[in-house]
Amino acid sequence: MLYVARPQSGGMLKHLCVLAAYFSARWDVSIAAPPTVLTQVYRDDGTLKYFNLPLAGYTAPLRDIAASLQLVKICRREKIDLLHAHGFKAAFVALAAAKICRVPLLVTVHNFLLHPEKSIFPAEYYHRALRIADPLVTGYITVSEALRQELADRSIDRDKIIRIYNGINFREFEPVKIIAGIPADRGDPESVNEEGLHYSGIIHSNTLGPAEDVLKVGTAGRLVSQKGIDIFIKAAGKIVSLYDRVCFYIAGEGPEGSRLEYLRDLLGLQEKVFFLGNIEQMASFLAGLDIFVLASRSEGLSIALLEAGCAGLPLIASATGGIPEIVRDGKTGILVPSEDELSLAEAIIFLIEDPKKRKHLGDEAARDIRKRFNEDNMLIETEKVYNEVFKKRTGNTACFGKSV
């Protein structure tokens, strides 16, 4: 089996790492991806083969053609039986290898096809390309029901689409507020310790007094438009004038970082909103928070939101994409309209004012997410799909049947 991936980070990368680690212990697994991905997926036990694929995360026709030709060579040389592409970009590049080598192609859809405000092409361009490519795709795995419906709305046969929720290893996210090894005196509130973990006042604050007196609201994700970090910052600006002892923390990196820091500074929030950069130990970051917020404009199924809920944090998130499949409004968290910083601020204030509600929502979120989004279940369901595709390898017909 050959996994194909474009440059990626965050939830998509975590998902790929989990699949690679699990299935490489059972089958002959290879990965074709850019070096930034290969270094993250790398395992030193010799169970994986790695191929440097010159695949860009943006439209680059010449590089894409070169990557397609390279995949054809890999499939022939390695006698690949199954291609599994992650994301539409990787899928389009893998189409030639699937066709020429007569190999079944699975596509895992992690996000919606495009974000109109960032695209140089009209939406119909992508939708038409999806329909043209569809006959060469054996089946689609979507990480949320919203994504499954999106494909069906684009005339993709429902029998070729199966929804398998992302799963997390809940043992890594125990809902406790204890972190070992965090220095008691950090100095600079945006400093980094030797392990690369930014603490920025999360546990041991020396800017607002004892850390236990400071209520901490956090978010995590790539610093890109669709994650709505600017909405989070604007909501923070509406809150800090009302509450002195509330701070806001942003974990993640991305191309919008400079613009978002400028917005933070423009609103005069330098001592209230902290950018932490990339967080290697997400469990430690979450254990230091009181409320987790996700203000996404577009979202397939957020692993960060799953991890926060699993850690026992009350969740506030925008009601878009697959988020309502995670957050049960009023039961495991609070849903707010997308693009609405006022509603977001009001929801945060509601939980600031009600500690009992925070605890109740956090406890319910942990219980619900541990039950419905278990990593073991995800792996079992994915293996069923692989086995079904292998059974039908002689044809390229719908592979999941009417029962899905």
Protein backbone atom coordinates (compact mmCIF):
# COMPACT_ATOMS: atom_id res chain seq x y z
CA MET A 1 0.00 0.00 0.00
CA LEU A 2 1.24 3.49 -0.84
CA TYR A 3 0.11 6.59 1.05
CA VAL A 4 0.30 9.82 -0.94
CA ALA A 5 0.25 13.21 0.81
CA ARG A 6 0.80 16.87 -0.01
CA PRO A 7 2.52 19.26 2.43
CA GLN A 8 0.36 19.19 5.54
CA SER A 9 0.29 19.77 9.26
CA GLY A 10 -2.12 19.62 12.17
CA GLY A 11 -4.95 17.11 12.09
CA MET A 12 -4.21 15.72 8.63
CA LEU A 13 -0.62 14.97 9.56
CA LYS A 14 -1.60 13.36 12.87
CA HIS A 15 -4.12 11.20 11.03
CA LEU A 16 -1.50 10.03 8.53
CA CYS A 17 1.01 9.26 11.29
CA VAL A 18 -1.51 7.08 13.12
CA LEU A 19 -2.43 5.14 9.97
CA ALA A 20 1.21 4.64 8.97
CA ALA A 21 2.23 3.41 12.42
CA TYR A 22 -0.67 0.98 12.68
CA PHE A 23 -0.76 -0.53 9.20
CA SER A 24 3.01 -0.74 8.69
CA ALA A 25 3.02 -3.39 11.42
CA ARG A 26 0.59 -5.47 9.34
CA TRP A 27 1.27 -4.77 5.67
CA ASP A 28 4.00 -3.56 3.35
CA VAL A 29 3.46 0.20 3.56
CA SER A 30 5.19 3.04 1.70
CA ILE A 31 4.72 6.80 1.86
CA ALA A 32 5.23 9.28 -0.98
CA ALA A 33 5.23 12.86 0.27
CA PRO A 34 7.35 16.02 0.54
CA PRO A 35 10.25 15.94 3.04
CA THR A 36 8.35 18.04 5.60
CA VAL A 37 5.82 15.21 5.87
CA LEU A 38 8.29 12.34 5.69
CA THR A 39 10.30 13.65 8.63
CA GLN A 40 7.16 13.72 10.77
CA VAL A 41 5.98 10.25 9.76
CA TYR A 42 9.44 8.66 9.94
CA ARG A 43 9.85 5.49 12.00
CA ASP A 44 13.26 3.95 12.68
CA ASP A 45 12.03 0.35 12.92
CA GLY A 46 12.34 -0.33 9.19
CA THR A 47 8.63 -0.99 8.69
CA LEU A 48 8.04 1.91 6.27
CA LYS A 49 9.48 2.88 2.89
CA TYR A 50 9.79 6.57 2.08
CA PHE A 51 9.70 8.36 -1.28
CA ASN A 52 10.41 12.07 -1.63
CA LEU A 53 7.58 13.43 -3.77
CA PRO A 54 7.98 16.99 -5.17
CA LEU A 55 4.38 17.87 -4.43
CA ALA A 56 3.45 21.47 -3.65
CA GLY A 57 0.54 22.55 -1.51
CA TYR A 58 -0.62 24.98 -4.21
CA THR A 59 -1.38 24.83 -7.94
CA ALA A 60 1.93 24.01 -9.71
CA PRO A 61 1.21 22.13 -12.99
CA LEU A 62 4.80 21.22 -13.90
CA ARG A 63 5.62 19.94 -10.42
CA ASP A 64 2.33 18.07 -10.29
CA ILE A 65 3.05 16.32 -13.59
CA ALA A 66 6.51 15.36 -12.36
CA ALA A 67 5.00 13.99 -9.14
CA SER A 68 2.44 11.96 -11.14
CA LEU A 69 5.14 10.39 -13.29
CA GLN A 70 7.17 9.58 -10.20
CA LEU A 71 4.16 7.85 -8.63
CA VAL A 72 3.77 5.70 -11.75
CA LYS A 73 7.40 4.56 -11.40
CA ILE A 74 6.97 3.85 -7.69
CA CYS A 75 3.80 1.82 -8.22
CA ARG A 76 5.45 -0.30 -10.90
CA ARG A 77 8.72 -0.83 -9.05
CA GLU A 78 7.15 -1.55 -5.66
CA LYS A 79 4.20 -3.54 -7.10
CA ILE A 80 1.72 -1.38 -5.22
CA ASP A 81 -1.72 -2.95 -4.68
CA LEU A 82 -3.51 0.10 -3.24
CA LEU A 83 -3.03 3.86 -3.42
CA HIS A 84 -4.42 5.89 -0.55
CA ALA A 85 -4.28 9.66 -1.13
CA HIS A 86 -4.90 12.19 1.64
CA GLY A 87 -6.56 15.34 0.40
CA PHE A 88 -7.75 16.42 -3.05
CA LYS A 89 -4.36 17.69 -4.20
CA ALA A 90 -2.69 14.34 -3.54
CA ALA A 91 -5.65 12.57 -5.13
CA PHE A 92 -5.42 14.51 -8.40
CA VAL A 93 -1.70 13.78 -8.63
CA ALA A 94 -2.27 10.07 -7.92
CA LEU A 95 -4.90 9.66 -10.67
CA ALA A 96 -2.36 8.92 -13.43
CA ALA A 97 -0.71 6.15 -11.41
CA ALA A 98 -4.08 4.63 -10.57
CA LYS A 99 -5.07 4.62 -14.25
CA ILE A 100 -1.78 3.51 -15.82
CA CYS A 101 -0.94 0.87 -13.22
CA ARG A 102 -4.54 -0.24 -12.74
CA VAL A 103 -4.33 0.23 -9.00
CA PRO A 104 -7.36 1.06 -6.86
CA LEU A 105 -7.30 4.59 -5.46
CA LEU A 106 -8.79 5.57 -2.11
CA VAL A 107 -9.10 9.24 -1.21
CA THR A 108 -9.49 10.48 2.35
CA VAL A 109 -11.24 13.86 2.35
CA HIS A 110 -10.17 15.91 5.37
CA ASN A 111 -11.47 19.34 4.34
CA PHE A 112 -13.90 20.98 1.98
CA LEU A 113 -12.80 21.23 -1.63
CA LEU A 114 -11.88 24.92 -1.59
CA HIS A 115 -12.06 28.15 0.29
CA PRO A 116 -13.46 30.70 -2.21
CA GLU A 117 -11.76 33.72 -0.67
CA LYS A 118 -8.34 32.12 -1.19
CA SER A 119 -8.86 30.51 -4.62
CA ILE A 120 -7.62 31.97 -7.89
CA PHE A 121 -10.13 29.84 -9.81
CA PRO A 122 -13.94 29.87 -9.64
CA ALA A 123 -15.63 27.18 -7.55
CA GLU A 124 -17.06 25.44 -10.60
CA TYR A 125 -13.52 24.79 -11.86
CA TYR A 126 -12.82 22.56 -8.85
CA HIS A 127 -16.24 20.93 -8.90
CA ARG A 128 -15.88 20.05 -12.58
CA ALA A 129 -12.40 18.62 -11.98
CA LEU A 130 -13.80 16.51 -9.14
CA ARG A 131 -16.52 15.05 -11.37
CA ILE A 132 -14.06 14.34 -14.21
CA ALA A 133 -11.64 12.56 -11.86
CA ASP A 134 -14.32 10.58 -10.03
CA PRO A 135 -14.44 7.53 -12.39
CA LEU A 136 -10.79 6.80 -11.53
CA VAL A 137 -11.41 6.86 -7.78
CA THR A 138 -12.38 3.56 -6.19
CA GLY A 139 -13.77 5.11 -3.03
CA TYR A 140 -13.77 8.08 -0.69
CA ILE A 141 -13.35 8.18 3.07
CA THR A 142 -14.65 11.38 4.66
CA VAL A 143 -13.83 12.33 8.23
CA SER A 144 -17.27 13.85 8.84
CA GLU A 145 -20.85 13.50 7.67
CA ALA A 146 -20.75 17.11 6.43
CA LEU A 147 -17.93 16.21 4.05
CA ARG A 148 -19.77 13.11 2.92
CA GLN A 149 -22.78 15.25 2.07
CA GLU A 150 -20.55 17.74 0.27
CA LEU A 151 -19.29 15.02 -2.07
CA ALA A 152 -22.79 13.67 -2.65
CA ASP A 153 -23.96 17.18 -3.52
CA ARG A 154 -21.24 17.28 -6.19
CA SER A 155 -22.76 14.23 -7.93
CA ILE A 156 -20.40 11.67 -6.39
CA ASP A 157 -22.11 8.29 -6.01
CA ARG A 158 -23.03 7.84 -2.34
CA ASP A 159 -22.08 4.18 -2.61
CA LYS A 160 -18.46 5.25 -3.13
CA ILE A 161 -18.36 7.37 0.04
CA ILE A 162 -17.95 6.17 3.59
CA ARG A 163 -17.69 8.33 6.68
CA ILE A 164 -15.07 7.31 9.24
CA TYR A 165 -14.64 9.79 12.05
CA ASN A 166 -11.15 10.82 13.04
CA GLY A 167 -10.14 9.13 16.25
CA ILE A 168 -7.71 10.10 18.98
CA ASN A 169 -5.74 8.21 21.57
CA PHE A 170 -7.69 9.35 24.60
CA ARG A 171 -5.05 8.00 26.99
CA GLU A 172 -2.86 10.97 26.00
CA PHE A 173 -5.46 13.50 27.09
CA GLU A 174 -6.46 12.77 30.64
CA PRO A 175 -8.63 15.61 32.04
CA VAL A 176 -6.21 16.69 34.76
CA LYS A 177 -4.60 20.04 35.51
CA ILE A 178 -1.19 18.68 36.53
CA ILE A 179 1.88 18.99 34.31
CA ALA A 180 5.27 17.75 35.42
CA GLY A 181 8.44 19.58 34.64
CA ILE A 182 7.13 23.07 33.93
CA PRO A 183 9.53 25.68 35.31
CA ALA A 184 8.14 27.76 38.18
CA ASP A 185 9.88 30.94 37.03
CA ARG A 186 9.76 31.46 33.28
CA GLY A 187 10.82 35.06 32.80
CA ASP A 188 9.58 36.15 29.38
CA PRO A 189 5.85 35.25 29.05
CA GLU A 190 6.47 34.20 25.45
CA SER A 191 9.64 32.21 26.13
CA VAL A 192 10.28 28.63 25.04
CA ASN A 193 11.71 25.91 27.25
CA GLU A 194 14.35 23.44 26.12
CA GLU A 195 11.73 20.97 24.83
CA GLY A 196 10.23 23.53 22.46
CA LEU A 197 6.97 23.91 24.38
CA HIS A 198 5.75 27.50 24.76
CA TYR A 199 4.08 28.03 28.12
CA SER A 200 3.28 31.75 27.80
CA GLY A 201 1.59 32.17 31.16
CA ILE A 202 -0.57 29.07 30.86
CA ILE A 203 0.45 27.56 34.18
CA HIS A 204 2.97 29.77 35.98
CA SER A 205 2.05 33.32 35.16
CA ASN A 206 4.22 36.10 36.50
CA THR A 207 2.39 38.89 34.69
CA LEU A 208 -1.05 38.74 36.29
CA GLY A 209 -0.27 37.16 39.63
CA PRO A 210 -0.81 33.54 40.75
CA ALA A 211 -1.67 31.33 37.78
CA GLU A 212 -4.65 29.76 39.54
CA ASP A 213 -6.33 33.19 39.63
CA VAL A 214 -6.08 33.67 35.86
CA LEU A 215 -8.77 32.16 33.64
CA LYS A 216 -7.20 30.86 30.45
CA VAL A 217 -9.00 30.64 27.11
CA GLY A 218 -7.19 28.91 24.27
CA THR A 219 -7.42 27.84 20.67
CA ALA A 220 -5.21 25.75 18.37
CA GLY A 221 -4.82 25.36 14.65
CA ARG A 222 -2.89 26.48 11.60
CA LEU A 223 -2.75 30.23 11.28
CA VAL A 224 -4.81 30.37 8.10
CA SER A 225 -7.99 32.22 7.21
CA GLN A 226 -10.36 29.27 7.50
CA LYS A 227 -9.42 28.68 11.15
CA GLY A 228 -10.92 32.04 12.17
CA ILE A 229 -8.12 33.05 14.52
CA ASP A 230 -8.89 36.70 13.74
CA ILE A 231 -12.44 36.14 15.01
CA PHE A 232 -11.00 34.67 18.22
CA ILE A 233 -8.77 37.74 18.69
CA LYS A 234 -11.64 40.17 18.07
CA ALA A 235 -13.80 38.31 20.59
CA ALA A 236 -10.94 38.55 23.10
CA GLY A 237 -10.88 42.31 22.55
CA LYS A 238 -14.52 42.53 23.62
CA ILE A 239 -13.85 40.56 26.80
CA VAL A 240 -10.64 41.95 28.28
CA SER A 241 -12.19 45.31 29.14
CA LEU A 242 -14.73 43.47 31.32
CA TYR A 243 -12.42 40.94 32.99
CA ASP A 244 -8.91 41.78 34.13
CA ARG A 245 -7.81 38.24 34.94
CA VAL A 246 -8.57 36.49 31.63
CA CYS A 247 -5.88 35.66 29.08
CA PHE A 248 -6.08 34.15 25.60
CA TYR A 249 -3.62 31.70 24.02
CA ILE A 250 -3.14 30.70 20.38
CA ALA A 251 -1.22 27.51 19.53
CA GLY A 252 -0.09 27.01 15.96
CA GLU A 253 1.88 28.41 13.07
CA GLY A 254 1.00 29.41 9.53
CA PRO A 255 1.14 32.01 6.77
CA GLU A 256 -1.32 34.35 8.49
CA GLY A 257 0.84 34.66 11.61
CA SER A 258 2.21 38.14 10.97
CA ARG A 259 -1.18 39.54 9.98
CA LEU A 260 -2.80 38.09 13.11
CA GLU A 261 -0.10 39.46 15.39
CA TYR A 262 -0.63 42.87 13.78
CA LEU A 263 -4.36 42.61 14.53
CA ARG A 264 -3.57 41.67 18.14
CA ASP A 265 -1.27 44.67 18.48
CA LEU A 266 -3.73 47.00 16.73
CA LEU A 267 -6.35 46.09 19.35
CA GLY A 268 -3.86 46.68 22.15
CA LEU A 269 -3.99 43.08 23.37
CA GLN A 270 -0.25 42.36 23.66
CA GLU A 271 -0.55 41.58 27.39
CA LYS A 272 -3.74 39.54 27.02
CA VAL A 273 -3.37 37.50 23.82
CA PHE A 274 -0.29 35.29 23.38
CA PHE A 275 0.92 33.47 20.27
CA LEU A 276 2.60 30.23 21.33
CA GLY A 277 3.82 28.87 18.00
CA ASN A 278 3.87 25.16 17.32
CA ILE A 279 2.98 23.02 20.35
CA GLU A 280 4.61 19.59 20.40
CA GLN A 281 2.93 18.45 23.62
CA MET A 282 -0.72 19.27 23.03
CA ALA A 283 -1.86 17.45 26.16
CA SER A 284 0.27 19.78 28.29
CA PHE A 285 -1.10 22.86 26.55
CA LEU A 286 -4.72 21.74 26.99
CA ALA A 287 -4.18 20.80 30.63
CA GLY A 288 -3.36 24.44 31.35
CA LEU A 289 -6.56 25.87 29.87
CA ASP A 290 -10.01 26.50 31.32
CA ILE A 291 -11.97 26.96 28.06
CA PHE A 292 -11.21 25.84 24.50
CA VAL A 293 -12.50 27.82 21.51
CA LEU A 294 -12.55 27.02 17.80
CA ALA A 295 -13.82 29.87 15.61
CA SER A 296 -13.35 28.16 12.23
CA ARG A 297 -14.91 29.46 9.05
CA SER A 298 -14.56 26.01 7.47
CA GLU A 299 -13.78 22.69 9.14
CA GLY A 300 -13.90 19.06 8.10
CA LEU A 301 -13.51 17.53 11.56
CA SER A 302 -11.16 19.21 14.00
CA ILE A 303 -8.73 16.94 15.82
CA ALA A 304 -7.77 19.85 18.07
CA LEU A 305 -11.40 20.12 19.15
CA LEU A 306 -11.55 16.38 19.82
CA GLU A 307 -8.39 16.55 21.89
CA ALA A 308 -9.65 19.52 23.90
CA GLY A 309 -12.93 17.81 24.67
CA CYS A 310 -11.16 14.59 25.55
CA ALA A 311 -9.01 16.58 27.99
CA GLY A 312 -12.18 17.65 29.80
CA LEU A 313 -12.36 21.23 28.57
CA PRO A 314 -15.66 22.99 27.87
CA LEU A 315 -15.89 23.66 24.14
CA ILE A 316 -17.07 26.73 22.26
CA ALA A 317 -17.04 26.43 18.47
CA SER A 318 -18.58 27.80 15.32
CA ALA A 319 -21.45 25.80 13.87
CA THR A 320 -19.82 25.01 10.55
CA GLY A 321 -18.74 21.90 8.62
CA GLY A 322 -18.27 18.84 10.82
CA ILE A 323 -18.05 20.77 14.11
CA PRO A 324 -21.72 20.15 15.10
CA GLU A 325 -20.95 16.43 14.81
CA ILE A 326 -18.45 16.87 17.66
CA VAL A 327 -20.09 19.52 19.84
CA ARG A 328 -23.62 18.85 21.03
CA ASP A 329 -24.91 22.34 21.68
CA GLY A 330 -25.77 22.88 25.33
CA LYS A 331 -24.72 19.34 26.25
CA THR A 332 -21.00 19.02 25.53
CA GLY A 333 -20.29 22.60 24.52
CA ILE A 334 -21.67 25.74 22.94
CA LEU A 335 -22.10 26.36 19.21
CA VAL A 336 -22.08 29.89 17.82
CA PRO A 337 -22.64 31.24 14.30
CA SER A 338 -19.57 31.36 12.09
CA GLU A 339 -18.03 34.81 11.46
CA ASP A 340 -19.73 36.25 14.56
CA GLU A 341 -17.22 37.53 17.13
CA LEU A 342 -19.99 39.07 19.25
CA SER A 343 -21.77 35.73 19.72
CA LEU A 344 -18.40 34.11 20.39
CA ALA A 345 -17.56 36.69 23.04
CA GLU A 346 -20.96 36.22 24.68
CA ALA A 347 -20.46 32.45 24.85
CA ILE A 348 -17.02 32.86 26.42
CA ILE A 349 -18.39 35.35 28.95
CA PHE A 350 -21.20 32.92 29.81
CA LEU A 351 -18.65 30.26 30.76
CA ILE A 352 -16.39 32.75 32.54
CA GLU A 353 -19.33 33.62 34.78
CA ASP A 354 -20.39 30.02 35.46
CA PRO A 355 -17.63 27.67 36.77
CA LYS A 356 -20.14 24.88 37.41
CA LYS A 357 -21.30 25.00 33.81
CA ARG A 358 -17.69 24.87 32.64
CA LYS A 359 -17.06 21.74 34.63
CA HIS A 360 -20.32 20.10 33.56
CA LEU A 361 -19.72 20.74 29.85
CA GLY A 362 -16.11 19.60 30.14
CA ASP A 363 -17.05 16.36 31.86
CA GLU A 364 -19.76 15.63 29.30
CA ALA A 365 -17.44 16.45 26.39
CA ALA A 366 -14.79 14.04 27.69
CA ARG A 367 -17.34 11.26 28.16
CA ASP A 368 -18.94 11.74 24.76
CA ILE A 369 -15.77 12.14 22.70
CA ARG A 370 -14.05 9.16 24.31
CA LYS A 371 -17.04 7.07 23.32
CA ARG A 372 -17.58 8.27 19.73
CA PHE A 373 -14.12 9.27 18.49
CA ASN A 374 -11.85 6.48 19.64
CA GLU A 375 -8.66 5.94 17.63
CA ASP A 376 -9.07 2.15 17.81
CA ASN A 377 -12.50 2.36 16.19
CA MET A 378 -11.12 4.54 13.38
CA LEU A 379 -8.38 2.02 12.63
CA ILE A 380 -10.76 -0.94 12.66
CA GLU A 381 -13.17 0.78 10.27
CA THR A 382 -10.34 1.84 7.96
CA GLU A 383 -9.01 -1.71 7.83
CA LYS A 384 -12.46 -2.92 6.83
CA VAL A 385 -12.39 -0.50 3.89
CA TYR A 386 -8.95 -1.71 2.81
CA ASN A 387 -10.07 -5.33 2.93
CA GLU A 388 -13.20 -4.51 0.93
CA VAL A 389 -11.15 -2.74 -1.75
CA PHE A 390 -8.75 -5.67 -2.03
CA LYS A 391 -11.71 -8.01 -2.53
CA LYS A 392 -12.97 -5.92 -5.44
CA ARG A 393 -9.55 -5.18 -6.91
CA THR A 394 -10.54 -6.61 -10.30
CA GLY A 395 -12.97 -3.73 -10.90
CA ASN A 396 -13.20 -0.03 -10.17
CA THR A 397 -16.83 0.00 -9.13
CA ALA A 398 -18.48 1.39 -6.02
CA CYS A 399 -16.86 -0.50 -3.19
CA PHE A 400 -18.87 0.26 -0.07
CA GLY A 401 -22.34 -0.97 -0.92
CA LYS A 402 -25.81 0.23 -0.03
CA SER A 403 -25.41 -0.36 3.70
CA VAL A 404 -23.13 2.65 4.21
